[in-house]
């Protein structure tokens, strides 16, 4: 499993807390993140 996996939720929560992510950018980020993780499996 990607070592970054465990850090992502904290980073995302921080971004949401500060209001830096809107829904569209989150979905785009999530899609990229999922693709990257699937290609590493």
PDB file of N, CA and C in Angstrom:
ATOM      1  N   UNK A   1       0.838  -1.204   0.000  1.00  0.00           N
ATOM      2  CA  UNK A   1       0.000   0.000   0.000  1.00  0.00           C
ATOM      3  C   UNK A   1       0.872   1.253   0.000  1.00  0.00           C
ATOM      4  N   UNK A   2       0.412   2.261  -0.689  1.00  0.00           N
ATOM      5  CA  UNK A   2       1.159   3.513  -0.780  1.00  0.00           C
ATOM      6  C   UNK A   2       1.332   4.122   0.599  1.00  0.00           C
ATOM      7  N   UNK A   3       2.559   4.512   0.922  1.00  0.00           N
ATOM      8  CA  UNK A   3       2.842   5.081   2.243  1.00  0.00           C
ATOM      9  C   UNK A   3       2.132   6.414   2.434  1.00  0.00           C
ATOM     10  N   UNK A   4       1.768   7.079   1.327  1.00  0.00           N
ATOM     11  CA  UNK A   4       1.073   8.365   1.418  1.00  0.00           C
ATOM     12  C   UNK A   4      -0.383   8.194   1.838  1.00  0.00           C
ATOM     13  N   UNK A   5      -0.880   6.953   1.734  1.00  0.00           N
ATOM     14  CA  UNK A   5      -2.300   6.701   1.989  1.00  0.00           C
ATOM     15  C   UNK A   5      -2.744   7.207   3.353  1.00  0.00           C
ATOM     16  N   UNK A   6      -1.930   6.961   4.362  1.00  0.00           N
ATOM     17  CA  UNK A   6      -2.334   7.302   5.731  1.00  0.00           C
ATOM     18  C   UNK A   6      -2.271   8.802   5.985  1.00  0.00           C
ATOM     19  N   UNK A   7      -1.500   9.538   5.187  1.00  0.00           N
ATOM     20  CA  UNK A   7      -1.395  10.977   5.378  1.00  0.00           C
ATOM     21  C   UNK A   7      -2.493  11.754   4.664  1.00  0.00           C
ATOM     22  N   UNK A   8      -3.094  11.137   3.648  1.00  0.00           N
ATOM     23  CA  UNK A   8      -4.057  11.857   2.827  1.00  0.00           C
ATOM     24  C   UNK A   8      -5.276  12.377   3.587  1.00  0.00           C
ATOM     25  N   UNK A   9      -5.932  11.538   4.403  1.00  0.00           N
ATOM     26  CA  UNK A   9      -7.136  12.027   5.099  1.00  0.00           C
ATOM     27  C   UNK A   9      -6.869  13.262   5.945  1.00  0.00           C
ATOM     28  N   UNK A  10      -5.722  13.295   6.619  1.00  0.00           N
ATOM     29  CA  UNK A  10      -5.391  14.455   7.449  1.00  0.00           C
ATOM     30  C   UNK A  10      -5.209  15.694   6.583  1.00  0.00           C
ATOM     31  N   UNK A  11      -4.510  15.522   5.462  1.00  0.00           N
ATOM     32  CA  UNK A  11      -4.283  16.649   4.554  1.00  0.00           C
ATOM     33  C   UNK A  11      -5.602  17.155   3.994  1.00  0.00           C
ATOM     34  N   UNK A  12      -6.458  16.229   3.565  1.00  0.00           N
ATOM     35  CA  UNK A  12      -7.747  16.628   3.002  1.00  0.00           C
ATOM     36  C   UNK A  12      -8.610  17.320   4.041  1.00  0.00           C
ATOM     37  N   UNK A  13      -8.625  16.797   5.258  1.00  0.00           N
ATOM     38  CA  UNK A  13      -9.405  17.427   6.324  1.00  0.00           C
ATOM     39  C   UNK A  13      -8.906  18.831   6.601  1.00  0.00           C
ATOM     40  N   UNK A  14      -7.591  19.015   6.563  1.00  0.00           N
ATOM     41  CA  UNK A  14      -7.022  20.342   6.794  1.00  0.00           C
ATOM     42  C   UNK A  14      -7.442  21.309   5.692  1.00  0.00           C
ATOM     43  N   UNK A  15      -7.405  20.827   4.443  1.00  0.00           N
ATOM     44  CA  UNK A  15      -7.798  21.683   3.325  1.00  0.00           C
ATOM     45  C   UNK A  15      -9.270  22.057   3.421  1.00  0.00           C
ATOM     46  N   UNK A  16     -10.099  21.086   3.788  1.00  0.00           N
ATOM     47  CA  UNK A  16     -11.523  21.374   3.948  1.00  0.00           C
ATOM     48  C   UNK A  16     -11.746  22.367   5.078  1.00  0.00           C
ATOM     49  N   UNK A  17     -10.996  22.198   6.149  1.00  0.00           N
ATOM     50  CA  UNK A  17     -11.153  23.067   7.315  1.00  0.00           C
ATOM     51  C   UNK A  17     -10.863  24.514   6.954  1.00  0.00           C
ATOM     52  N   UNK A  18      -9.836  24.710   6.157  1.00  0.00           N
ATOM     53  CA  UNK A  18      -9.452  26.073   5.768  1.00  0.00           C
ATOM     54  C   UNK A  18     -10.233  26.567   4.565  1.00  0.00           C
ATOM     55  N   UNK A  19     -11.077  25.696   3.993  1.00  0.00           N
ATOM     56  CA  UNK A  19     -11.921  26.115   2.871  1.00  0.00           C
ATOM     57  C   UNK A  19     -11.164  26.265   1.564  1.00  0.00           C
ATOM     58  N   UNK A  20     -10.039  25.552   1.418  1.00  0.00           N
ATOM     59  CA  UNK A  20      -9.239  25.665   0.201  1.00  0.00           C
ATOM     60  C   UNK A  20      -9.746  24.754  -0.918  1.00  0.00           C
ATOM     61  N   UNK A  21     -10.544  23.760  -0.546  1.00  0.00           N
ATOM     62  CA  UNK A  21     -11.067  22.844  -1.557  1.00  0.00           C
ATOM     63  C   UNK A  21     -12.563  23.042  -1.707  1.00  0.00           C
ATOM     64  N   UNK A  22     -13.022  23.125  -2.948  1.00  0.00           N
ATOM     65  CA  UNK A  22     -14.453  23.055  -3.178  1.00  0.00           C
ATOM     66  C   UNK A  22     -14.761  21.645  -3.675  1.00  0.00           C
ATOM     67  N   UNK A  23     -16.017  21.380  -3.937  1.00  0.00           N
ATOM     68  CA  UNK A  23     -16.419  20.014  -4.267  1.00  0.00           C
ATOM     69  C   UNK A  23     -15.795  19.536  -5.574  1.00  0.00           C
ATOM     70  N   UNK A  24     -15.739  20.402  -6.570  1.00  0.00           N
ATOM     71  CA  UNK A  24     -15.204  19.987  -7.870  1.00  0.00           C
ATOM     72  C   UNK A  24     -13.723  19.663  -7.790  1.00  0.00           C
ATOM     73  N   UNK A  25     -12.956  20.504  -7.104  1.00  0.00           N
ATOM     74  CA  UNK A  25     -11.523  20.244  -7.009  1.00  0.00           C
ATOM     75  C   UNK A  25     -11.260  18.993  -6.178  1.00  0.00           C
ATOM     76  N   UNK A  26     -12.129  18.740  -5.176  1.00  0.00           N
ATOM     77  CA  UNK A  26     -11.985  17.528  -4.380  1.00  0.00           C
ATOM     78  C   UNK A  26     -12.209  16.291  -5.237  1.00  0.00           C
ATOM     79  N   UNK A  27     -13.252  16.318  -6.053  1.00  0.00           N
ATOM     80  CA  UNK A  27     -13.535  15.172  -6.916  1.00  0.00           C
ATOM     81  C   UNK A  27     -12.404  14.941  -7.911  1.00  0.00           C
ATOM     82  N   UNK A  28     -11.843  16.024  -8.437  1.00  0.00           N
ATOM     83  CA  UNK A  28     -10.728  15.894  -9.370  1.00  0.00           C
ATOM     84  C   UNK A  28      -9.514  15.292  -8.664  1.00  0.00           C
ATOM     85  N   UNK A  29      -9.226  15.801  -7.465  1.00  0.00           N
ATOM     86  CA  UNK A  29      -8.099  15.287  -6.689  1.00  0.00           C
ATOM     87  C   UNK A  29      -8.308  13.818  -6.337  1.00  0.00           C
ATOM     88  N   UNK A  30      -9.529  13.479  -5.914  1.00  0.00           N
ATOM     89  CA  UNK A  30      -9.828  12.106  -5.532  1.00  0.00           C
ATOM     90  C   UNK A  30      -9.660  11.167  -6.719  1.00  0.00           C
ATOM     91  N   UNK A  31     -10.121  11.588  -7.887  1.00  0.00           N
ATOM     92  CA  UNK A  31      -9.991  10.769  -9.091  1.00  0.00           C
ATOM     93  C   UNK A  31      -8.529  10.508  -9.418  1.00  0.00           C
ATOM     94  N   UNK A  32      -7.717  11.566  -9.391  1.00  0.00           N
ATOM     95  CA  UNK A  32      -6.285  11.421  -9.660  1.00  0.00           C
ATOM     96  C   UNK A  32      -5.640  10.515  -8.625  1.00  0.00           C
ATOM     97  N   UNK A  33      -6.013  10.707  -7.352  1.00  0.00           N
ATOM     98  CA  UNK A  33      -5.442   9.908  -6.271  1.00  0.00           C
ATOM     99  C   UNK A  33      -5.774   8.432  -6.448  1.00  0.00           C
ATOM    100  N   UNK A  34      -7.027   8.140  -6.806  1.00  0.00           N
ATOM    101  CA  UNK A  34      -7.439   6.756  -7.000  1.00  0.00           C
ATOM    102  C   UNK A  34      -6.696   6.125  -8.174  1.00  0.00           C
ATOM    103  N   UNK A  35      -6.563   6.863  -9.266  1.00  0.00           N
ATOM    104  CA  UNK A  35      -5.859   6.342 -10.441  1.00  0.00           C
ATOM    105  C   UNK A  35      -4.410   6.039 -10.100  1.00  0.00           C
ATOM    106  N   UNK A  36      -3.762   6.949  -9.385  1.00  0.00           N
ATOM    107  CA  UNK A  36      -2.364   6.739  -9.010  1.00  0.00           C
ATOM    108  C   UNK A  36      -2.215   5.510  -8.123  1.00  0.00           C
ATOM    109  N   UNK A  37      -3.127   5.338  -7.183  1.00  0.00           N
ATOM    110  CA  UNK A  37      -3.032   4.189  -6.288  1.00  0.00           C
ATOM    111  C   UNK A  37      -3.329   2.885  -7.018  1.00  0.00           C
ATOM    112  N   UNK A  38      -4.277   2.906  -7.935  1.00  0.00           N
ATOM    113  CA  UNK A  38      -4.606   1.694  -8.677  1.00  0.00           C
ATOM    114  C   UNK A  38      -3.450   1.277  -9.578  1.00  0.00           C
ATOM    115  N   UNK A  39      -2.733   2.243 -10.129  1.00  0.00           N
ATOM    116  CA  UNK A  39      -1.619   1.908 -11.011  1.00  0.00           C
ATOM    117  C   UNK A  39      -0.428   1.383 -10.223  1.00  0.00           C
ATOM    118  N   UNK A  40      -0.380   1.668  -8.923  1.00  0.00           N
ATOM    119  CA  UNK A  40       0.725   1.192  -8.090  1.00  0.00           C
ATOM    120  C   UNK A  40       0.469  -0.206  -7.540  1.00  0.00           C
ATOM    121  N   UNK A  41      -0.769  -0.675  -7.638  1.00  0.00           N
ATOM    122  CA  UNK A  41      -1.090  -1.993  -7.079  1.00  0.00           C
ATOM    123  C   UNK A  41      -0.477  -3.109  -7.916  1.00  0.00           C
TER     124      UNK A  41
END
